[in-house]
């Protein structure tokens, strides 16, 4: 049995984990929401970080007083950098690399191999490789291609390096499992106009106003909704297996 800390930025990402937790209690720590609960694997502490490196760093530090853990996991969605990745595919990081001062963090080999087997057992397409942690969203296909070439990464997200750094400082094994939201050639220019950059939540009034003045964006937004559904469904399928048993 393990004691695991799982970090996810957004509420819908947290929901995939919460569905598998029992005897769950909700708490606040240093301004962050966390849930404690049990699974067949042991005790899980799930932390909602919010988006970005600074938020994730604060969230990782907020659970220092919550005792010892056998594993830190960063999870949620990611953008594809590898051309072959499609929405709903799983990226298991062999390392977290940064285009900032945090550098590179290797993930725990045995736990990563188990996560890969879990994804396969859940009938999900899985890729392993370095994952880029960026301080800002990569909104264009050109930016994604440049990042893939520079860092050799298969996917990109915005929180993992902070969580990996805290795990390294505490001597705790770390893994990152992300499901792909947008493809390497998806343009995300619209989203910044109505997405809260801290929480990732849609601002309804801003969205309505944007569509009123940019009706041509509607098909792109529908496509993004389908991508999000694919990423969410795969995340739920992964955790339904990963948290249900030790036998993999």
C-alpha atoms as a PDB file:
ATOM      1  CA  UNK A   1       0.000   0.000   0.000  1.00  0.00           C
ATOM      2  CA  UNK A   2       1.251   3.457  -0.897  1.00  0.00           C
ATOM      3  CA  UNK A   3       0.672   7.042   0.154  1.00  0.00           C
ATOM      4  CA  UNK A   4       0.476   9.094  -3.036  1.00  0.00           C
ATOM      5  CA  UNK A   5       0.243  12.832  -3.751  1.00  0.00           C
ATOM      6  CA  UNK A   6      -1.381  13.627  -7.096  1.00  0.00           C
ATOM      7  CA  UNK A   7      -1.275  17.140  -8.546  1.00  0.00           C
ATOM      8  CA  UNK A   8      -3.623  18.407 -11.272  1.00  0.00           C
ATOM      9  CA  UNK A   9      -4.203  21.988 -12.401  1.00  0.00           C
ATOM     10  CA  UNK A  10      -7.895  22.024 -13.302  1.00  0.00           C
ATOM     11  CA  UNK A  11     -11.137  20.814 -11.764  1.00  0.00           C
ATOM     12  CA  UNK A  12     -12.020  18.483 -14.639  1.00  0.00           C
ATOM     13  CA  UNK A  13      -8.560  16.899 -14.374  1.00  0.00           C
ATOM     14  CA  UNK A  14      -9.045  16.395 -10.630  1.00  0.00           C
ATOM     15  CA  UNK A  15     -12.423  14.769 -11.285  1.00  0.00           C
ATOM     16  CA  UNK A  16     -10.777  11.798 -13.019  1.00  0.00           C
ATOM     17  CA  UNK A  17      -8.962  11.000  -9.763  1.00  0.00           C
ATOM     18  CA  UNK A  18     -11.822  11.874  -7.421  1.00  0.00           C
ATOM     19  CA  UNK A  19     -14.081   9.332  -9.138  1.00  0.00           C
ATOM     20  CA  UNK A  20     -11.796   6.559  -7.859  1.00  0.00           C
ATOM     21  CA  UNK A  21     -11.373   7.833  -4.279  1.00  0.00           C
ATOM     22  CA  UNK A  22     -13.476   6.717  -1.313  1.00  0.00           C
ATOM     23  CA  UNK A  23     -14.018   8.190   2.149  1.00  0.00           C
ATOM     24  CA  UNK A  24     -12.997  11.515   0.670  1.00  0.00           C
ATOM     25  CA  UNK A  25     -12.591  14.711   2.667  1.00  0.00           C
ATOM     26  CA  UNK A  26     -12.014  18.187   1.215  1.00  0.00           C
ATOM     27  CA  UNK A  27      -9.545  20.558   2.850  1.00  0.00           C
ATOM     28  CA  UNK A  28      -7.713  23.825   2.259  1.00  0.00           C
ATOM     29  CA  UNK A  29      -3.970  24.316   2.648  1.00  0.00           C
ATOM     30  CA  UNK A  30      -2.191  27.619   2.009  1.00  0.00           C
ATOM     31  CA  UNK A  31      -5.020  28.696  -0.286  1.00  0.00           C
ATOM     32  CA  UNK A  32      -5.130  25.448  -2.286  1.00  0.00           C
ATOM     33  CA  UNK A  33      -7.923  22.865  -2.397  1.00  0.00           C
ATOM     34  CA  UNK A  34      -6.967  19.286  -1.659  1.00  0.00           C
ATOM     35  CA  UNK A  35      -8.831  16.031  -1.125  1.00  0.00           C
ATOM     36  CA  UNK A  36      -7.786  13.075   1.015  1.00  0.00           C
ATOM     37  CA  UNK A  37      -9.218   9.665   0.335  1.00  0.00           C
ATOM     38  CA  UNK A  38      -8.570   5.948   0.057  1.00  0.00           C
ATOM     39  CA  UNK A  39      -8.159   3.640  -2.927  1.00  0.00           C
ATOM     40  CA  UNK A  40      -7.093  -0.007  -3.241  1.00  0.00           C
ATOM     41  CA  UNK A  41      -3.553   1.342  -3.735  1.00  0.00           C
ATOM     42  CA  UNK A  42      -3.614   3.201  -0.423  1.00  0.00           C
ATOM     43  CA  UNK A  43      -4.141   6.795   0.692  1.00  0.00           C
ATOM     44  CA  UNK A  44      -4.291   9.502  -1.956  1.00  0.00           C
ATOM     45  CA  UNK A  45      -3.911  13.242  -1.420  1.00  0.00           C
ATOM     46  CA  UNK A  46      -5.139  15.069  -4.514  1.00  0.00           C
ATOM     47  CA  UNK A  47      -4.118  18.722  -4.900  1.00  0.00           C
ATOM     48  CA  UNK A  48      -5.693  21.200  -7.321  1.00  0.00           C
ATOM     49  CA  UNK A  49      -2.781  23.443  -8.266  1.00  0.00           C
ATOM     50  CA  UNK A  50      -4.190  25.893 -10.775  1.00  0.00           C
ATOM     51  CA  UNK A  51      -2.269  26.625 -13.965  1.00  0.00           C
ATOM     52  CA  UNK A  52       1.401  27.484 -14.221  1.00  0.00           C
ATOM     53  CA  UNK A  53       4.733  26.931 -12.542  1.00  0.00           C
ATOM     54  CA  UNK A  54       4.232  29.385  -9.682  1.00  0.00           C
ATOM     55  CA  UNK A  55       0.858  27.908  -8.746  1.00  0.00           C
ATOM     56  CA  UNK A  56       2.230  24.370  -8.904  1.00  0.00           C
ATOM     57  CA  UNK A  57       5.228  25.306  -6.765  1.00  0.00           C
ATOM     58  CA  UNK A  58       2.953  26.741  -4.085  1.00  0.00           C
ATOM     59  CA  UNK A  59       0.697  23.697  -4.178  1.00  0.00           C
ATOM     60  CA  UNK A  60       3.604  21.266  -3.857  1.00  0.00           C
ATOM     61  CA  UNK A  61       4.950  23.164  -0.862  1.00  0.00           C
ATOM     62  CA  UNK A  62       1.485  23.383   0.713  1.00  0.00           C
ATOM     63  CA  UNK A  63       1.440  19.671   1.538  1.00  0.00           C
ATOM     64  CA  UNK A  64       4.798  19.562   3.320  1.00  0.00           C
ATOM     65  CA  UNK A  65       2.965  19.316   6.616  1.00  0.00           C
ATOM     66  CA  UNK A  66       0.809  16.426   5.345  1.00  0.00           C
ATOM     67  CA  UNK A  67       3.420  13.781   6.164  1.00  0.00           C
ATOM     68  CA  UNK A  68       5.537  11.459   4.053  1.00  0.00           C
ATOM     69  CA  UNK A  69       4.654  10.155   0.593  1.00  0.00           C
ATOM     70  CA  UNK A  70       5.916   7.246  -1.480  1.00  0.00           C
ATOM     71  CA  UNK A  71       5.137   8.943  -4.804  1.00  0.00           C
ATOM     72  CA  UNK A  72       4.430  12.358  -6.363  1.00  0.00           C
ATOM     73  CA  UNK A  73       2.456  12.378  -9.612  1.00  0.00           C
ATOM     74  CA  UNK A  74       1.786  15.257 -11.988  1.00  0.00           C
ATOM     75  CA  UNK A  75      -1.252  14.671 -14.172  1.00  0.00           C
ATOM     76  CA  UNK A  76      -3.882  16.315 -16.348  1.00  0.00           C
ATOM     77  CA  UNK A  77      -3.799  17.316 -19.986  1.00  0.00           C
ATOM     78  CA  UNK A  78      -0.923  18.305 -22.261  1.00  0.00           C
ATOM     79  CA  UNK A  79      -0.381  19.645 -25.735  1.00  0.00           C
ATOM     80  CA  UNK A  80       1.175  17.321 -28.296  1.00  0.00           C
ATOM     81  CA  UNK A  81       4.591  18.169 -29.705  1.00  0.00           C
ATOM     82  CA  UNK A  82       5.082  14.844 -31.491  1.00  0.00           C
ATOM     83  CA  UNK A  83       3.136  14.807 -34.755  1.00  0.00           C
ATOM     84  CA  UNK A  84       1.806  11.277 -34.210  1.00  0.00           C
ATOM     85  CA  UNK A  85      -0.020  12.114 -30.964  1.00  0.00           C
ATOM     86  CA  UNK A  86      -3.793  12.558 -31.122  1.00  0.00           C
ATOM     87  CA  UNK A  87      -6.321  13.872 -28.574  1.00  0.00           C
ATOM     88  CA  UNK A  88      -6.839  11.253 -25.872  1.00  0.00           C
ATOM     89  CA  UNK A  89      -3.422   9.625 -26.272  1.00  0.00           C
ATOM     90  CA  UNK A  90      -1.367   9.193 -23.091  1.00  0.00           C
ATOM     91  CA  UNK A  91       2.108  10.663 -22.612  1.00  0.00           C
ATOM     92  CA  UNK A  92       4.164   9.074 -19.831  1.00  0.00           C
ATOM     93  CA  UNK A  93       7.182  11.299 -19.226  1.00  0.00           C
ATOM     94  CA  UNK A  94      10.652   9.787 -19.024  1.00  0.00           C
ATOM     95  CA  UNK A  95      11.848  13.230 -17.908  1.00  0.00           C
ATOM     96  CA  UNK A  96      10.510  16.744 -17.401  1.00  0.00           C
ATOM     97  CA  UNK A  97      12.549  19.284 -19.340  1.00  0.00           C
ATOM     98  CA  UNK A  98      12.274  23.066 -19.031  1.00  0.00           C
ATOM     99  CA  UNK A  99      12.991  26.072 -21.221  1.00  0.00           C
ATOM    100  CA  UNK A 100      13.620  27.974 -17.982  1.00  0.00           C
ATOM    101  CA  UNK A 101      15.941  27.828 -14.988  1.00  0.00           C
ATOM    102  CA  UNK A 102      14.473  24.643 -13.487  1.00  0.00           C
ATOM    103  CA  UNK A 103      16.369  22.388 -15.890  1.00  0.00           C
ATOM    104  CA  UNK A 104      15.658  18.669 -16.259  1.00  0.00           C
ATOM    105  CA  UNK A 105      14.139  16.133 -13.872  1.00  0.00           C
ATOM    106  CA  UNK A 106      14.244  12.406 -14.537  1.00  0.00           C
ATOM    107  CA  UNK A 107      11.141  10.442 -13.629  1.00  0.00           C
ATOM    108  CA  UNK A 108      11.111   7.147 -11.720  1.00  0.00           C
ATOM    109  CA  UNK A 109      11.727   4.324 -14.191  1.00  0.00           C
ATOM    110  CA  UNK A 110       9.808   1.540 -12.453  1.00  0.00           C
ATOM    111  CA  UNK A 111       6.741   3.688 -11.770  1.00  0.00           C
ATOM    112  CA  UNK A 112       6.788   4.959 -15.362  1.00  0.00           C
ATOM    113  CA  UNK A 113       6.889   1.412 -16.707  1.00  0.00           C
ATOM    114  CA  UNK A 114       3.895   0.545 -14.528  1.00  0.00           C
ATOM    115  CA  UNK A 115       2.011   3.605 -15.774  1.00  0.00           C
ATOM    116  CA  UNK A 116       2.684   2.562 -19.348  1.00  0.00           C
ATOM    117  CA  UNK A 117       1.301  -0.907 -18.656  1.00  0.00           C
ATOM    118  CA  UNK A 118      -1.771   0.643 -17.017  1.00  0.00           C
ATOM    119  CA  UNK A 119      -2.454   2.778 -20.097  1.00  0.00           C
ATOM    120  CA  UNK A 120      -2.141  -0.273 -22.330  1.00  0.00           C
ATOM    121  CA  UNK A 121      -4.409  -2.266 -20.016  1.00  0.00           C
ATOM    122  CA  UNK A 122      -6.968   0.566 -20.266  1.00  0.00           C
ATOM    123  CA  UNK A 123      -6.787   0.224 -24.090  1.00  0.00           C
ATOM    124  CA  UNK A 124      -5.209   3.660 -24.492  1.00  0.00           C
ATOM    125  CA  UNK A 125      -2.516   4.645 -26.965  1.00  0.00           C
ATOM    126  CA  UNK A 126       0.571   5.525 -24.949  1.00  0.00           C
ATOM    127  CA  UNK A 127       3.835   7.268 -25.807  1.00  0.00           C
ATOM    128  CA  UNK A 128       6.874   7.673 -23.571  1.00  0.00           C
ATOM    129  CA  UNK A 129       9.475  10.392 -23.825  1.00  0.00           C
ATOM    130  CA  UNK A 130      10.582  13.723 -22.391  1.00  0.00           C
ATOM    131  CA  UNK A 131       7.782  16.210 -21.658  1.00  0.00           C
ATOM    132  CA  UNK A 132       8.441  19.941 -21.824  1.00  0.00           C
ATOM    133  CA  UNK A 133       7.296  22.138 -18.945  1.00  0.00           C
ATOM    134  CA  UNK A 134       6.789  25.617 -20.389  1.00  0.00           C
ATOM    135  CA  UNK A 135       6.170  28.834 -18.434  1.00  0.00           C
ATOM    136  CA  UNK A 136       3.611  29.869 -21.048  1.00  0.00           C
ATOM    137  CA  UNK A 137       1.170  28.177 -23.404  1.00  0.00           C
ATOM    138  CA  UNK A 138       2.418  27.247 -26.874  1.00  0.00           C
ATOM    139  CA  UNK A 139      -0.428  28.630 -28.977  1.00  0.00           C
ATOM    140  CA  UNK A 140       0.736  28.006 -32.539  1.00  0.00           C
ATOM    141  CA  UNK A 141       1.904  25.032 -34.569  1.00  0.00           C
ATOM    142  CA  UNK A 142       5.119  26.929 -35.289  1.00  0.00           C
ATOM    143  CA  UNK A 143       5.872  27.342 -31.579  1.00  0.00           C
ATOM    144  CA  UNK A 144       5.155  23.669 -30.910  1.00  0.00           C
ATOM    145  CA  UNK A 145       7.397  22.503 -33.750  1.00  0.00           C
ATOM    146  CA  UNK A 146      10.250  24.720 -32.566  1.00  0.00           C
ATOM    147  CA  UNK A 147       9.878  23.390 -29.000  1.00  0.00           C
ATOM    148  CA  UNK A 148       9.869  19.787 -30.192  1.00  0.00           C
ATOM    149  CA  UNK A 149      13.072  20.320 -32.151  1.00  0.00           C
ATOM    150  CA  UNK A 150      14.821  22.247 -29.377  1.00  0.00           C
ATOM    151  CA  UNK A 151      13.916  19.977 -26.470  1.00  0.00           C
ATOM    152  CA  UNK A 152      13.216  16.598 -28.073  1.00  0.00           C
ATOM    153  CA  UNK A 153       9.926  16.466 -26.142  1.00  0.00           C
ATOM    154  CA  UNK A 154       6.768  14.583 -27.098  1.00  0.00           C
ATOM    155  CA  UNK A 155       4.326  16.864 -25.245  1.00  0.00           C
ATOM    156  CA  UNK A 156       4.132  20.147 -23.340  1.00  0.00           C
ATOM    157  CA  UNK A 157       2.480  21.237 -20.085  1.00  0.00           C
ATOM    158  CA  UNK A 158       2.929  24.031 -17.538  1.00  0.00           C
ATOM    159  CA  UNK A 159       3.247  22.581 -14.013  1.00  0.00           C
ATOM    160  CA  UNK A 160       5.376  19.441 -13.887  1.00  0.00           C
ATOM    161  CA  UNK A 161       8.797  20.990 -13.244  1.00  0.00           C
ATOM    162  CA  UNK A 162       7.664  22.625  -9.999  1.00  0.00           C
ATOM    163  CA  UNK A 163       6.214  19.370  -8.694  1.00  0.00           C
ATOM    164  CA  UNK A 164       9.273  17.398  -9.818  1.00  0.00           C
ATOM    165  CA  UNK A 165      11.550  19.906  -8.063  1.00  0.00           C
ATOM    166  CA  UNK A 166       9.690  19.502  -4.768  1.00  0.00           C
ATOM    167  CA  UNK A 167       9.786  15.710  -5.122  1.00  0.00           C
ATOM    168  CA  UNK A 168      13.527  15.810  -5.767  1.00  0.00           C
ATOM    169  CA  UNK A 169      14.105  18.064  -2.762  1.00  0.00           C
ATOM    170  CA  UNK A 170      12.229  15.589  -0.555  1.00  0.00           C
ATOM    171  CA  UNK A 171      13.702  12.434  -2.069  1.00  0.00           C
ATOM    172  CA  UNK A 172      10.299  11.229  -3.333  1.00  0.00           C
ATOM    173  CA  UNK A 173       9.869   9.285  -6.599  1.00  0.00           C
ATOM    174  CA  UNK A 174       8.129  11.367  -9.268  1.00  0.00           C
ATOM    175  CA  UNK A 175       6.127  10.510 -12.389  1.00  0.00           C
ATOM    176  CA  UNK A 176       4.103  12.477 -14.917  1.00  0.00           C
ATOM    177  CA  UNK A 177       1.133  11.028 -16.804  1.00  0.00           C
ATOM    178  CA  UNK A 178      -0.744  13.347 -19.162  1.00  0.00           C
ATOM    179  CA  UNK A 179      -3.456  12.884 -21.762  1.00  0.00           C
ATOM    180  CA  UNK A 180      -3.192  14.805 -25.005  1.00  0.00           C
ATOM    181  CA  UNK A 181      -5.590  17.706 -25.501  1.00  0.00           C
ATOM    182  CA  UNK A 182      -4.435  19.537 -28.650  1.00  0.00           C
ATOM    183  CA  UNK A 183      -2.409  18.125 -31.533  1.00  0.00           C
ATOM    184  CA  UNK A 184       0.940  19.459 -32.674  1.00  0.00           C
ATOM    185  CA  UNK A 185      -0.710  21.383 -35.524  1.00  0.00           C
ATOM    186  CA  UNK A 186      -3.653  22.781 -33.511  1.00  0.00           C
ATOM    187  CA  UNK A 187      -3.736  26.576 -33.307  1.00  0.00           C
ATOM    188  CA  UNK A 188      -4.861  27.932 -29.916  1.00  0.00           C
ATOM    189  CA  UNK A 189      -4.991  31.654 -30.704  1.00  0.00           C
ATOM    190  CA  UNK A 190      -8.651  31.998 -29.681  1.00  0.00           C
ATOM    191  CA  UNK A 191      -8.478  30.452 -26.217  1.00  0.00           C
ATOM    192  CA  UNK A 192      -6.456  33.199 -24.574  1.00  0.00           C
ATOM    193  CA  UNK A 193      -9.305  35.649 -25.066  1.00  0.00           C
ATOM    194  CA  UNK A 194     -11.770  33.918 -22.745  1.00  0.00           C
ATOM    195  CA  UNK A 195      -9.802  31.424 -20.609  1.00  0.00           C
ATOM    196  CA  UNK A 196      -8.743  32.426 -17.102  1.00  0.00           C
ATOM    197  CA  UNK A 197      -4.925  32.013 -17.264  1.00  0.00           C
ATOM    198  CA  UNK A 198      -4.704  30.983 -13.590  1.00  0.00           C
ATOM    199  CA  UNK A 199      -7.520  28.435 -13.334  1.00  0.00           C
ATOM    200  CA  UNK A 200      -8.100  27.383 -16.945  1.00  0.00           C
ATOM    201  CA  UNK A 201     -11.834  28.023 -16.532  1.00  0.00           C
ATOM    202  CA  UNK A 202     -13.897  29.516 -19.340  1.00  0.00           C
ATOM    203  CA  UNK A 203     -15.156  33.046 -18.642  1.00  0.00           C
ATOM    204  CA  UNK A 204     -18.739  32.895 -20.026  1.00  0.00           C
ATOM    205  CA  UNK A 205     -19.207  36.609 -20.659  1.00  0.00           C
ATOM    206  CA  UNK A 206     -15.840  36.891 -22.351  1.00  0.00           C
ATOM    207  CA  UNK A 207     -16.649  33.852 -24.518  1.00  0.00           C
ATOM    208  CA  UNK A 208     -20.028  35.254 -25.539  1.00  0.00           C
ATOM    209  CA  UNK A 209     -18.477  38.594 -26.395  1.00  0.00           C
ATOM    210  CA  UNK A 210     -15.693  36.973 -28.377  1.00  0.00           C
ATOM    211  CA  UNK A 211     -18.070  34.829 -30.435  1.00  0.00           C
ATOM    212  CA  UNK A 212     -20.246  37.880 -31.133  1.00  0.00           C
ATOM    213  CA  UNK A 213     -17.295  39.626 -32.739  1.00  0.00           C
ATOM    214  CA  UNK A 214     -15.505  36.542 -34.123  1.00  0.00           C
ATOM    215  CA  UNK A 215     -18.232  34.132 -35.345  1.00  0.00           C
ATOM    216  CA  UNK A 216     -15.716  32.373 -37.608  1.00  0.00           C
ATOM    217  CA  UNK A 217     -14.026  31.004 -34.454  1.00  0.00           C
ATOM    218  CA  UNK A 218     -17.034  28.811 -33.619  1.00  0.00           C
ATOM    219  CA  UNK A 219     -15.884  25.685 -35.561  1.00  0.00           C
ATOM    220  CA  UNK A 220     -12.464  25.864 -33.907  1.00  0.00           C
ATOM    221  CA  UNK A 221     -14.066  26.074 -30.479  1.00  0.00           C
ATOM    222  CA  UNK A 222     -16.257  23.047 -31.205  1.00  0.00           C
ATOM    223  CA  UNK A 223     -13.155  21.133 -32.264  1.00  0.00           C
ATOM    224  CA  UNK A 224     -11.448  22.127 -29.010  1.00  0.00           C
ATOM    225  CA  UNK A 225     -14.440  20.883 -27.041  1.00  0.00           C
ATOM    226  CA  UNK A 226     -14.145  17.485 -28.753  1.00  0.00           C
ATOM    227  CA  UNK A 227     -10.420  17.368 -27.973  1.00  0.00           C
ATOM    228  CA  UNK A 228     -11.096  18.154 -24.327  1.00  0.00           C
ATOM    229  CA  UNK A 229     -13.686  15.365 -24.150  1.00  0.00           C
ATOM    230  CA  UNK A 230     -11.162  12.894 -25.575  1.00  0.00           C
ATOM    231  CA  UNK A 231      -8.487  13.961 -23.081  1.00  0.00           C
ATOM    232  CA  UNK A 232     -10.908  13.796 -20.145  1.00  0.00           C
ATOM    233  CA  UNK A 233     -12.257  10.371 -21.110  1.00  0.00           C
ATOM    234  CA  UNK A 234      -8.756   8.914 -21.403  1.00  0.00           C
ATOM    235  CA  UNK A 235      -7.698  10.405 -18.075  1.00  0.00           C
ATOM    236  CA  UNK A 236     -10.722   8.793 -16.406  1.00  0.00           C
ATOM    237  CA  UNK A 237      -9.947   5.426 -18.011  1.00  0.00           C
ATOM    238  CA  UNK A 238      -6.315   5.586 -16.911  1.00  0.00           C
ATOM    239  CA  UNK A 239      -7.100   6.311 -13.265  1.00  0.00           C
ATOM    240  CA  UNK A 240      -9.904   3.750 -13.184  1.00  0.00           C
ATOM    241  CA  UNK A 241      -7.166   1.136 -13.687  1.00  0.00           C
ATOM    242  CA  UNK A 242      -4.174   2.774 -11.983  1.00  0.00           C
ATOM    243  CA  UNK A 243      -5.943   3.430  -8.686  1.00  0.00           C
ATOM    244  CA  UNK A 244      -7.975   0.223  -8.588  1.00  0.00           C
ATOM    245  CA  UNK A 245      -5.267  -2.381  -8.245  1.00  0.00           C
ATOM    246  CA  UNK A 246      -1.610  -3.071  -7.559  1.00  0.00           C
ATOM    247  CA  UNK A 247      -1.581  -5.943 -10.053  1.00  0.00           C
ATOM    248  CA  UNK A 248      -0.007  -4.522 -13.216  1.00  0.00           C
END
